[in-house]
Amino acid sequence: MTFSPPTTTIEIVSQASVLCGKQSFNTLSSGGAFAQDGMALLDTLVSAELGSNRWRFSQASQQMSVINTLTPNFDGWQYYWQMPADVLMFFYVTPQVNYRVFGDRVLLNTNQTTLNAVYSESLPVSKWPPAFSMYMVFELASMLGMSVTNSDRMMARIEAQKSLWHSRALFADGQNTPTESLRSQPWVNVRYQYRTRRG
């Protein structure tokens, strides 16, 4: 069974419905209880996925223009940056400085406003790569299928396709950035550091 990649949340839920042996739909009301459950579960699944893997397509950067003073200081940290509500996973600060993620804050020892935060954010379905969209269709079908079908064979096929689309999505996402060679060679350097003329 083949689909065109979905571009809206209702299309994802509808395609998951078809995979579970139910009818497709194009509105929430026409999809009944399955559509309502699917819509409720989809946001959680997407946030969990984008917040647990470093998907490059969902990366965002924001200048840390408002850095507040920690009062009192905490564990040697003097300042903090409050993360925006749309941050799903914090990656790093550029240019490189010492920092620590503590709850929904990034603790710092500098208050310079030239820093940038790089993190994963939630995106609408229309901005997802096709392979990731298909992966989320099968992920949702896998979650909902447990309650709407008694067919172990159907569930096994959904799980197999989910794994396949997950691999495809990871591969496609990995192609977005060119590979970089290792700049540090500590093992090579140590190997020849104590070499003598006779050795």
N, C-alpha and C. Protein backbone atom coordinates (compact mmCIF):
# COMPACT_ATOMS: atom_id res chain seq x y z
N MET A 1 0.85 -1.19 0.00
CA MET A 1 0.00 0.00 0.00
C MET A 1 0.89 1.24 0.00
N THR A 2 0.64 2.17 -0.92
CA THR A 2 1.45 3.37 -1.02
C THR A 2 0.58 4.60 -0.83
N PHE A 3 1.18 5.64 -0.26
CA PHE A 3 0.50 6.91 -0.03
C PHE A 3 1.37 8.02 -0.57
N SER A 4 0.76 9.17 -0.84
CA SER A 4 1.56 10.36 -1.03
C SER A 4 1.84 10.92 0.36
N PRO A 5 3.00 11.51 0.56
CA PRO A 5 3.34 12.00 1.91
C PRO A 5 2.30 13.00 2.41
N PRO A 6 1.83 12.84 3.62
CA PRO A 6 0.83 13.77 4.18
C PRO A 6 1.45 15.13 4.46
N THR A 7 0.62 16.16 4.38
CA THR A 7 1.09 17.52 4.65
C THR A 7 0.29 18.20 5.75
N THR A 8 -0.69 17.49 6.32
CA THR A 8 -1.47 18.04 7.44
C THR A 8 -1.63 16.96 8.50
N THR A 9 -1.97 17.37 9.70
CA THR A 9 -2.16 16.40 10.78
C THR A 9 -3.34 15.48 10.50
N ILE A 10 -4.40 16.01 9.91
CA ILE A 10 -5.56 15.17 9.65
C ILE A 10 -5.24 14.10 8.60
N GLU A 11 -4.35 14.42 7.65
CA GLU A 11 -3.93 13.42 6.66
C GLU A 11 -3.12 12.31 7.32
N ILE A 12 -2.29 12.66 8.28
CA ILE A 12 -1.51 11.64 8.99
C ILE A 12 -2.44 10.69 9.74
N VAL A 13 -3.40 11.25 10.46
CA VAL A 13 -4.33 10.43 11.23
C VAL A 13 -5.18 9.58 10.29
N SER A 14 -5.61 10.15 9.17
CA SER A 14 -6.42 9.41 8.20
C SER A 14 -5.65 8.24 7.61
N GLN A 15 -4.39 8.45 7.25
CA GLN A 15 -3.59 7.37 6.68
C GLN A 15 -3.30 6.30 7.73
N ALA A 16 -3.11 6.70 8.98
CA ALA A 16 -2.94 5.72 10.05
C ALA A 16 -4.21 4.90 10.21
N SER A 17 -5.35 5.53 10.03
CA SER A 17 -6.63 4.83 10.11
C SER A 17 -6.74 3.75 9.03
N VAL A 18 -6.33 4.08 7.81
CA VAL A 18 -6.36 3.11 6.72
C VAL A 18 -5.45 1.93 7.02
N LEU A 19 -4.27 2.21 7.58
CA LEU A 19 -3.34 1.13 7.91
C LEU A 19 -3.92 0.19 8.97
N CYS A 20 -4.78 0.72 9.82
CA CYS A 20 -5.40 -0.09 10.87
C CYS A 20 -6.69 -0.76 10.39
N GLY A 21 -6.98 -0.66 9.10
CA GLY A 21 -8.15 -1.33 8.55
C GLY A 21 -9.43 -0.55 8.65
N LYS A 22 -9.33 0.75 8.92
CA LYS A 22 -10.53 1.59 9.02
C LYS A 22 -10.61 2.52 7.81
N GLN A 23 -11.66 3.34 7.75
CA GLN A 23 -11.89 4.22 6.63
C GLN A 23 -11.02 5.48 6.72
N SER A 24 -10.73 6.06 5.56
CA SER A 24 -10.05 7.35 5.53
C SER A 24 -11.08 8.46 5.78
N PHE A 25 -10.61 9.65 6.09
CA PHE A 25 -11.49 10.79 6.34
C PHE A 25 -10.70 12.06 6.07
N ASN A 26 -11.40 13.15 5.91
CA ASN A 26 -10.71 14.43 5.67
C ASN A 26 -11.10 15.52 6.66
N THR A 27 -11.92 15.18 7.63
CA THR A 27 -12.24 16.12 8.71
C THR A 27 -12.24 15.35 10.04
N LEU A 28 -12.03 16.07 11.10
CA LEU A 28 -11.99 15.45 12.42
C LEU A 28 -13.35 14.84 12.79
N SER A 29 -14.41 15.54 12.43
CA SER A 29 -15.75 15.05 12.80
C SER A 29 -16.12 13.79 12.03
N SER A 30 -15.69 13.69 10.76
CA SER A 30 -16.04 12.50 9.97
C SER A 30 -15.20 11.29 10.35
N GLY A 31 -14.12 11.51 11.07
CA GLY A 31 -13.26 10.40 11.48
C GLY A 31 -13.69 9.72 12.76
N GLY A 32 -14.63 10.33 13.47
CA GLY A 32 -15.14 9.72 14.68
C GLY A 32 -14.12 9.64 15.81
N ALA A 33 -14.29 8.61 16.65
CA ALA A 33 -13.44 8.44 17.84
C ALA A 33 -11.98 8.19 17.45
N PHE A 34 -11.78 7.45 16.35
CA PHE A 34 -10.40 7.17 15.92
C PHE A 34 -9.67 8.47 15.61
N ALA A 35 -10.33 9.37 14.88
CA ALA A 35 -9.70 10.64 14.53
C ALA A 35 -9.39 11.47 15.77
N GLN A 36 -10.32 11.51 16.70
CA GLN A 36 -10.11 12.29 17.91
C GLN A 36 -8.96 11.73 18.74
N ASP A 37 -8.92 10.40 18.87
CA ASP A 37 -7.82 9.78 19.62
C ASP A 37 -6.48 9.99 18.90
N GLY A 38 -6.52 9.86 17.58
CA GLY A 38 -5.30 10.04 16.80
C GLY A 38 -4.75 11.44 16.89
N MET A 39 -5.62 12.43 16.82
CA MET A 39 -5.17 13.82 16.92
C MET A 39 -4.61 14.11 18.31
N ALA A 40 -5.24 13.53 19.33
CA ALA A 40 -4.76 13.74 20.70
C ALA A 40 -3.39 13.11 20.92
N LEU A 41 -3.17 11.96 20.29
CA LEU A 41 -1.92 11.23 20.49
C LEU A 41 -0.80 11.74 19.60
N LEU A 42 -1.12 12.26 18.42
CA LEU A 42 -0.10 12.63 17.44
C LEU A 42 0.85 13.70 17.97
N ASP A 43 0.34 14.75 18.58
CA ASP A 43 1.21 15.81 19.09
C ASP A 43 2.21 15.28 20.10
N THR A 44 1.74 14.36 20.94
CA THR A 44 2.64 13.77 21.94
C THR A 44 3.73 12.94 21.27
N LEU A 45 3.36 12.14 20.27
CA LEU A 45 4.33 11.32 19.56
C LEU A 45 5.37 12.18 18.85
N VAL A 46 4.92 13.23 18.18
CA VAL A 46 5.83 14.09 17.43
C VAL A 46 6.78 14.82 18.38
N SER A 47 6.25 15.38 19.45
CA SER A 47 7.10 16.08 20.42
C SER A 47 8.13 15.14 21.04
N ALA A 48 7.71 13.92 21.33
CA ALA A 48 8.63 12.94 21.91
C ALA A 48 9.73 12.58 20.92
N GLU A 49 9.37 12.43 19.65
CA GLU A 49 10.37 12.06 18.64
C GLU A 49 11.34 13.20 18.36
N LEU A 50 10.82 14.38 18.14
CA LEU A 50 11.69 15.53 17.86
C LEU A 50 12.51 15.92 19.10
N GLY A 51 12.03 15.55 20.26
CA GLY A 51 12.75 15.88 21.49
C GLY A 51 13.68 14.80 21.98
N SER A 52 13.81 13.70 21.22
CA SER A 52 14.69 12.61 21.66
C SER A 52 15.76 12.26 20.64
N ASN A 53 15.66 12.78 19.42
CA ASN A 53 16.68 12.58 18.40
C ASN A 53 17.06 13.93 17.81
N ARG A 54 18.28 14.03 17.34
CA ARG A 54 18.73 15.30 16.78
C ARG A 54 18.37 15.39 15.30
N TRP A 55 17.09 15.52 15.02
CA TRP A 55 16.63 15.68 13.65
C TRP A 55 17.08 17.04 13.13
N ARG A 56 17.84 17.02 12.05
CA ARG A 56 18.39 18.28 11.54
C ARG A 56 17.31 19.20 10.97
N PHE A 57 16.27 18.62 10.38
CA PHE A 57 15.25 19.47 9.76
C PHE A 57 14.49 20.31 10.77
N SER A 58 14.51 19.93 12.04
CA SER A 58 13.76 20.68 13.05
C SER A 58 14.66 21.56 13.90
N GLN A 59 15.93 21.71 13.51
CA GLN A 59 16.83 22.56 14.28
C GLN A 59 16.52 24.03 14.06
N ALA A 60 16.67 24.80 15.11
CA ALA A 60 16.45 26.25 15.05
C ALA A 60 17.55 26.94 15.83
N SER A 61 17.76 28.20 15.52
CA SER A 61 18.75 29.01 16.22
C SER A 61 18.11 30.33 16.64
N GLN A 62 18.44 30.75 17.84
CA GLN A 62 17.89 32.01 18.34
C GLN A 62 18.96 32.73 19.15
N GLN A 63 19.07 34.03 18.93
CA GLN A 63 20.02 34.81 19.70
C GLN A 63 19.57 34.90 21.15
N MET A 64 20.51 34.66 22.05
CA MET A 64 20.21 34.72 23.48
C MET A 64 20.33 36.18 23.94
N SER A 65 19.40 37.00 23.47
CA SER A 65 19.51 38.44 23.67
C SER A 65 19.16 38.88 25.09
N VAL A 66 18.31 38.12 25.77
CA VAL A 66 17.93 38.48 27.15
C VAL A 66 18.52 37.45 28.10
N ILE A 67 19.60 37.82 28.76
CA ILE A 67 20.26 36.94 29.74
C ILE A 67 20.09 37.57 31.11
N ASN A 68 19.49 36.82 32.01
CA ASN A 68 19.15 37.32 33.34
C ASN A 68 20.21 36.94 34.38
N THR A 69 20.22 37.68 35.46
CA THR A 69 21.14 37.40 36.56
C THR A 69 20.49 36.41 37.52
N LEU A 70 21.26 35.38 37.88
CA LEU A 70 20.78 34.41 38.86
C LEU A 70 20.91 35.00 40.25
N THR A 71 19.82 35.09 40.97
CA THR A 71 19.85 35.63 42.33
C THR A 71 19.14 34.67 43.27
N PRO A 72 19.86 33.99 44.14
CA PRO A 72 21.33 34.02 44.28
C PRO A 72 21.99 33.13 43.23
N ASN A 73 23.33 33.19 43.20
CA ASN A 73 24.08 32.33 42.27
C ASN A 73 23.79 30.87 42.61
N PHE A 74 23.90 30.04 41.58
CA PHE A 74 23.61 28.62 41.77
C PHE A 74 24.79 27.78 41.31
N ASP A 75 25.42 27.07 42.22
CA ASP A 75 26.50 26.15 41.89
C ASP A 75 27.59 26.80 41.04
N GLY A 76 27.86 28.07 41.33
CA GLY A 76 28.90 28.79 40.60
C GLY A 76 28.43 29.49 39.34
N TRP A 77 27.18 29.29 38.94
CA TRP A 77 26.65 29.94 37.74
C TRP A 77 26.04 31.28 38.11
N GLN A 78 26.28 32.29 37.27
CA GLN A 78 25.87 33.65 37.59
C GLN A 78 24.66 34.14 36.80
N TYR A 79 24.47 33.58 35.59
CA TYR A 79 23.41 34.08 34.71
C TYR A 79 22.61 32.92 34.15
N TYR A 80 21.46 33.25 33.57
CA TYR A 80 20.68 32.22 32.90
C TYR A 80 19.92 32.79 31.72
N TRP A 81 19.66 31.92 30.75
CA TRP A 81 18.81 32.25 29.60
C TRP A 81 17.58 31.36 29.67
N GLN A 82 16.40 31.98 29.62
CA GLN A 82 15.14 31.24 29.68
C GLN A 82 14.82 30.67 28.30
N MET A 83 14.68 29.34 28.22
CA MET A 83 14.37 28.72 26.94
C MET A 83 12.96 29.09 26.49
N PRO A 84 12.76 29.28 25.18
CA PRO A 84 11.40 29.50 24.67
C PRO A 84 10.54 28.26 24.87
N ALA A 85 9.24 28.45 24.83
CA ALA A 85 8.31 27.34 25.07
C ALA A 85 8.37 26.27 23.99
N ASP A 86 8.86 26.64 22.78
CA ASP A 86 8.87 25.67 21.68
C ASP A 86 10.12 24.81 21.64
N VAL A 87 11.01 24.95 22.63
CA VAL A 87 12.23 24.13 22.65
C VAL A 87 11.88 22.69 23.06
N LEU A 88 12.20 21.73 22.18
CA LEU A 88 11.96 20.32 22.49
C LEU A 88 13.22 19.63 22.99
N MET A 89 14.37 20.02 22.44
CA MET A 89 15.65 19.49 22.89
C MET A 89 16.71 20.56 22.67
N PHE A 90 17.46 20.89 23.72
CA PHE A 90 18.52 21.89 23.61
C PHE A 90 19.80 21.20 23.14
N PHE A 91 20.48 21.81 22.14
CA PHE A 91 21.69 21.20 21.58
C PHE A 91 22.97 21.84 22.12
N TYR A 92 23.18 23.11 21.82
CA TYR A 92 24.42 23.75 22.25
C TYR A 92 24.33 25.26 22.12
N VAL A 93 25.38 25.95 22.61
CA VAL A 93 25.49 27.40 22.51
C VAL A 93 26.65 27.72 21.59
N THR A 94 26.46 28.70 20.73
CA THR A 94 27.54 29.16 19.86
C THR A 94 27.64 30.68 19.94
N PRO A 95 28.86 31.27 19.96
CA PRO A 95 30.16 30.59 20.04
C PRO A 95 30.31 29.85 21.36
N GLN A 96 31.27 28.93 21.38
CA GLN A 96 31.40 27.99 22.48
C GLN A 96 31.74 28.69 23.79
N VAL A 97 30.89 28.45 24.80
CA VAL A 97 31.12 28.93 26.17
C VAL A 97 30.69 27.81 27.11
N ASN A 98 31.09 27.91 28.36
CA ASN A 98 30.62 26.95 29.36
C ASN A 98 29.16 27.23 29.69
N TYR A 99 28.38 26.19 29.73
CA TYR A 99 26.97 26.33 30.08
C TYR A 99 26.47 25.02 30.67
N ARG A 100 25.29 25.09 31.28
CA ARG A 100 24.64 23.89 31.80
C ARG A 100 23.13 24.06 31.64
N VAL A 101 22.48 23.02 31.14
CA VAL A 101 21.02 23.03 31.03
C VAL A 101 20.46 22.59 32.37
N PHE A 102 19.60 23.42 32.93
CA PHE A 102 18.99 23.13 34.22
C PHE A 102 17.50 23.43 34.10
N GLY A 103 16.70 22.37 33.97
CA GLY A 103 15.27 22.57 33.76
C GLY A 103 15.01 23.26 32.44
N ASP A 104 14.28 24.37 32.48
CA ASP A 104 14.01 25.13 31.25
C ASP A 104 14.90 26.35 31.14
N ARG A 105 16.06 26.30 31.80
CA ARG A 105 17.03 27.39 31.74
C ARG A 105 18.39 26.89 31.28
N VAL A 106 19.14 27.78 30.66
CA VAL A 106 20.54 27.51 30.32
C VAL A 106 21.38 28.39 31.22
N LEU A 107 22.16 27.77 32.10
CA LEU A 107 22.98 28.52 33.04
C LEU A 107 24.30 28.90 32.40
N LEU A 108 24.75 30.14 32.67
CA LEU A 108 25.95 30.68 32.04
C LEU A 108 26.79 31.44 33.06
N ASN A 109 28.04 31.70 32.67
CA ASN A 109 28.91 32.55 33.47
C ASN A 109 29.25 33.83 32.72
N THR A 110 28.51 34.11 31.68
CA THR A 110 28.69 35.34 30.91
C THR A 110 27.32 35.88 30.55
N ASN A 111 27.24 37.20 30.44
CA ASN A 111 25.97 37.81 30.04
C ASN A 111 26.07 38.51 28.69
N GLN A 112 27.06 38.09 27.89
CA GLN A 112 27.18 38.68 26.56
C GLN A 112 25.99 38.27 25.69
N THR A 113 25.48 39.20 24.92
CA THR A 113 24.27 38.96 24.13
C THR A 113 24.58 38.56 22.69
N THR A 114 25.81 38.15 22.43
CA THR A 114 26.17 37.70 21.08
C THR A 114 26.08 36.18 20.96
N LEU A 115 25.57 35.53 22.00
CA LEU A 115 25.45 34.08 21.99
C LEU A 115 24.19 33.64 21.26
N ASN A 116 24.26 32.47 20.66
CA ASN A 116 23.11 31.88 19.98
C ASN A 116 22.83 30.50 20.55
N ALA A 117 21.55 30.19 20.73
CA ALA A 117 21.13 28.88 21.19
C ALA A 117 20.67 28.06 19.99
N VAL A 118 21.10 26.81 19.91
CA VAL A 118 20.68 25.90 18.85
C VAL A 118 19.89 24.78 19.51
N TYR A 119 18.69 24.53 18.99
CA TYR A 119 17.79 23.58 19.63
C TYR A 119 16.83 22.99 18.61
N SER A 120 16.07 22.01 19.04
CA SER A 120 15.04 21.41 18.20
C SER A 120 13.70 22.02 18.55
N GLU A 121 12.92 22.36 17.52
CA GLU A 121 11.62 22.97 17.74
C GLU A 121 10.53 22.17 17.03
N SER A 122 9.31 22.37 17.44
CA SER A 122 8.17 21.73 16.80
C SER A 122 7.84 22.44 15.50
N LEU A 123 7.58 21.66 14.45
CA LEU A 123 7.27 22.23 13.14
C LEU A 123 5.93 21.70 12.65
N PRO A 124 5.21 22.45 11.82
CA PRO A 124 3.98 21.94 11.23
C PRO A 124 4.29 20.81 10.25
N VAL A 125 3.32 19.95 10.01
CA VAL A 125 3.51 18.79 9.14
C VAL A 125 3.99 19.20 7.75
N SER A 126 3.54 20.34 7.27
CA SER A 126 3.91 20.79 5.92
C SER A 126 5.41 21.02 5.76
N LYS A 127 6.14 21.16 6.88
CA LYS A 127 7.58 21.38 6.82
C LYS A 127 8.38 20.12 7.13
N TRP A 128 7.72 18.99 7.30
CA TRP A 128 8.42 17.74 7.54
C TRP A 128 8.91 17.15 6.24
N PRO A 129 10.06 16.49 6.24
CA PRO A 129 10.48 15.73 5.06
C PRO A 129 9.51 14.57 4.83
N PRO A 130 9.31 14.16 3.58
CA PRO A 130 8.34 13.08 3.28
C PRO A 130 8.60 11.80 4.07
N ALA A 131 9.86 11.39 4.19
CA ALA A 131 10.16 10.14 4.90
C ALA A 131 9.78 10.23 6.37
N PHE A 132 9.98 11.39 6.99
CA PHE A 132 9.60 11.56 8.39
C PHE A 132 8.08 11.54 8.53
N SER A 133 7.38 12.14 7.57
CA SER A 133 5.92 12.12 7.60
C SER A 133 5.40 10.69 7.56
N MET A 134 5.97 9.88 6.67
CA MET A 134 5.53 8.49 6.56
C MET A 134 5.87 7.71 7.83
N TYR A 135 7.02 8.01 8.42
CA TYR A 135 7.39 7.36 9.67
C TYR A 135 6.37 7.66 10.76
N MET A 136 5.90 8.92 10.84
CA MET A 136 4.93 9.27 11.87
C MET A 136 3.57 8.64 11.59
N VAL A 137 3.23 8.41 10.31
CA VAL A 137 1.98 7.71 9.99
C VAL A 137 2.02 6.30 10.58
N PHE A 138 3.13 5.60 10.35
CA PHE A 138 3.24 4.23 10.85
C PHE A 138 3.42 4.19 12.37
N GLU A 139 4.07 5.19 12.93
CA GLU A 139 4.20 5.28 14.39
C GLU A 139 2.83 5.43 15.03
N LEU A 140 2.01 6.30 14.46
CA LEU A 140 0.67 6.51 14.99
C LEU A 140 -0.19 5.26 14.80
N ALA A 141 -0.07 4.64 13.63
CA ALA A 141 -0.83 3.40 13.38
C ALA A 141 -0.42 2.31 14.36
N SER A 142 0.85 2.26 14.69
CA SER A 142 1.34 1.27 15.65
C SER A 142 0.73 1.49 17.03
N MET A 143 0.66 2.74 17.44
CA MET A 143 0.10 3.05 18.76
C MET A 143 -1.40 2.80 18.82
N LEU A 144 -2.12 3.25 17.79
CA LEU A 144 -3.58 3.12 17.79
C LEU A 144 -4.03 1.70 17.42
N GLY A 145 -3.21 1.01 16.64
CA GLY A 145 -3.58 -0.33 16.19
C GLY A 145 -3.77 -1.32 17.32
N MET A 146 -3.07 -1.10 18.41
CA MET A 146 -3.18 -2.01 19.54
C MET A 146 -4.59 -2.05 20.12
N SER A 147 -5.32 -0.95 19.96
CA SER A 147 -6.66 -0.90 20.55
C SER A 147 -7.78 -1.11 19.55
N VAL A 148 -7.46 -1.15 18.24
CA VAL A 148 -8.54 -1.26 17.25
C VAL A 148 -8.47 -2.52 16.41
N THR A 149 -7.43 -3.31 16.57
CA THR A 149 -7.33 -4.54 15.78
C THR A 149 -6.85 -5.69 16.66
N ASN A 150 -7.31 -6.88 16.34
CA ASN A 150 -6.86 -8.09 17.03
C ASN A 150 -5.93 -8.91 16.15
N SER A 151 -5.50 -8.34 15.03
CA SER A 151 -4.67 -9.06 14.08
C SER A 151 -3.20 -8.87 14.39
N ASP A 152 -2.56 -9.93 14.89
CA ASP A 152 -1.12 -9.86 15.14
C ASP A 152 -0.35 -9.70 13.84
N ARG A 153 -0.88 -10.29 12.78
CA ARG A 153 -0.21 -10.19 11.48
C ARG A 153 -0.20 -8.74 10.98
N MET A 154 -1.34 -8.07 11.12
CA MET A 154 -1.41 -6.66 10.72
C MET A 154 -0.46 -5.80 11.54
N MET A 155 -0.42 -6.03 12.84
CA MET A 155 0.46 -5.25 13.70
C MET A 155 1.93 -5.50 13.37
N ALA A 156 2.26 -6.75 13.03
CA ALA A 156 3.64 -7.07 12.67
C ALA A 156 4.04 -6.34 11.39
N ARG A 157 3.12 -6.26 10.43
CA ARG A 157 3.42 -5.57 9.18
C ARG A 157 3.57 -4.07 9.41
N ILE A 158 2.71 -3.50 10.27
CA ILE A 158 2.83 -2.08 10.60
C ILE A 158 4.17 -1.80 11.28
N GLU A 159 4.56 -2.67 12.23
CA GLU A 159 5.83 -2.49 12.93
C GLU A 159 7.01 -2.57 11.97
N ALA A 160 6.96 -3.51 11.03
CA ALA A 160 8.05 -3.66 10.05
C ALA A 160 8.17 -2.41 9.18
N GLN A 161 7.02 -1.89 8.72
CA GLN A 161 7.05 -0.69 7.89
C GLN A 161 7.47 0.53 8.71
N LYS A 162 7.07 0.56 9.97
CA LYS A 162 7.49 1.68 10.83
C LYS A 162 9.01 1.70 10.96
N SER A 163 9.60 0.54 11.15
CA SER A 163 11.05 0.45 11.26
C SER A 163 11.73 0.87 9.97
N LEU A 164 11.14 0.45 8.83
CA LEU A 164 11.70 0.82 7.53
C LEU A 164 11.66 2.32 7.31
N TRP A 165 10.53 2.95 7.60
CA TRP A 165 10.41 4.39 7.38
C TRP A 165 11.25 5.19 8.38
N HIS A 166 11.42 4.65 9.58
CA HIS A 166 12.31 5.31 10.55
C HIS A 166 13.74 5.34 10.02
N SER A 167 14.19 4.22 9.47
CA SER A 167 15.53 4.16 8.89
C SER A 167 15.67 5.11 7.71
N ARG A 168 14.65 5.14 6.86
CA ARG A 168 14.69 6.05 5.71
C ARG A 168 14.73 7.51 6.15
N ALA A 169 13.93 7.83 7.17
CA ALA A 169 13.89 9.21 7.65
C ALA A 169 15.23 9.63 8.25
N LEU A 170 15.85 8.73 9.02
CA LEU A 170 17.16 9.03 9.61
C LEU A 170 18.21 9.20 8.51
N PHE A 171 18.17 8.33 7.50
CA PHE A 171 19.14 8.43 6.41
C PHE A 171 18.98 9.73 5.65
N ALA A 172 17.73 10.08 5.30
CA ALA A 172 17.48 11.31 4.57
C ALA A 172 17.89 12.53 5.38
N ASP A 173 17.60 12.50 6.67
CA ASP A 173 17.95 13.63 7.54
C ASP A 173 19.47 13.77 7.67
N GLY A 174 20.17 12.64 7.65
CA GLY A 174 21.63 12.67 7.77
C GLY A 174 22.32 13.22 6.54
N GLN A 175 21.61 13.28 5.41
CA GLN A 175 22.21 13.80 4.19
C GLN A 175 22.15 15.31 4.11
N ASN A 176 21.48 15.94 5.05
CA ASN A 176 21.31 17.39 5.01
C ASN A 176 22.60 18.15 5.32
N THR A 177 23.54 17.51 5.98
CA THR A 177 24.78 18.16 6.37
C THR A 177 25.95 17.33 5.87
N PRO A 178 26.94 17.95 5.22
CA PRO A 178 28.08 17.17 4.74
C PRO A 178 28.88 16.59 5.90
N THR A 179 29.47 15.44 5.67
CA THR A 179 30.30 14.83 6.70
C THR A 179 31.57 15.63 6.89
N GLU A 180 32.08 15.63 8.11
CA GLU A 180 33.30 16.36 8.43
C GLU A 180 34.35 15.37 8.90
N SER A 181 35.57 15.57 8.43
CA SER A 181 36.66 14.70 8.86
C SER A 181 37.07 15.04 10.28
N LEU A 182 37.67 14.06 10.97
CA LEU A 182 38.14 14.30 12.33
C LEU A 182 39.30 15.28 12.31
N ARG A 183 39.22 16.27 13.17
CA ARG A 183 40.29 17.27 13.22
C ARG A 183 41.33 16.92 14.27
N SER A 184 40.93 16.12 15.23
CA SER A 184 41.83 15.74 16.31
C SER A 184 42.21 14.27 16.16
N GLN A 185 43.48 13.97 16.33
CA GLN A 185 43.96 12.59 16.23
C GLN A 185 44.77 12.23 17.47
N PRO A 186 44.10 12.17 18.63
CA PRO A 186 44.86 11.96 19.88
C PRO A 186 45.60 10.62 19.91
N TRP A 187 45.03 9.56 19.35
CA TRP A 187 45.67 8.25 19.40
C TRP A 187 46.93 8.23 18.52
N VAL A 188 46.85 8.87 17.39
CA VAL A 188 48.02 8.94 16.51
C VAL A 188 49.11 9.79 17.15
N ASN A 189 48.73 10.91 17.74
CA ASN A 189 49.71 11.79 18.36
C ASN A 189 50.43 11.10 19.51
N VAL A 190 49.69 10.39 20.36
CA VAL A 190 50.29 9.69 21.49
C VAL A 190 51.20 8.57 21.02
N ARG A 191 50.80 7.91 19.96
CA ARG A 191 51.57 6.77 19.47
C ARG A 191 53.00 7.17 19.11
N TYR A 192 53.17 8.34 18.53
CA TYR A 192 54.51 8.75 18.09
C TYR A 192 55.17 9.76 19.01
N GLN A 193 54.51 10.09 20.12
CA GLN A 193 55.04 11.11 21.01
C GLN A 193 56.34 10.68 21.69
N TYR A 194 56.42 9.38 22.06
CA TYR A 194 57.60 8.90 22.81
C TYR A 194 58.52 8.05 21.94
N ARG A 195 58.42 8.23 20.66
CA ARG A 195 59.26 7.44 19.73
C ARG A 195 60.71 7.90 19.82
N THR A 196 61.62 6.95 19.93
CA THR A 196 63.05 7.27 19.98
C THR A 196 63.67 7.01 18.62
N ARG A 197 64.92 7.40 18.45
CA ARG A 197 65.61 7.21 17.18
C ARG A 197 65.74 5.73 16.84
N ARG A 198 65.94 4.89 17.88
CA ARG A 198 66.12 3.45 17.63
C ARG A 198 64.78 2.74 17.51
N GLY A 199 63.73 3.37 18.06
CA GLY A 199 62.44 2.70 18.08
C GLY A 199 61.68 2.85 16.80
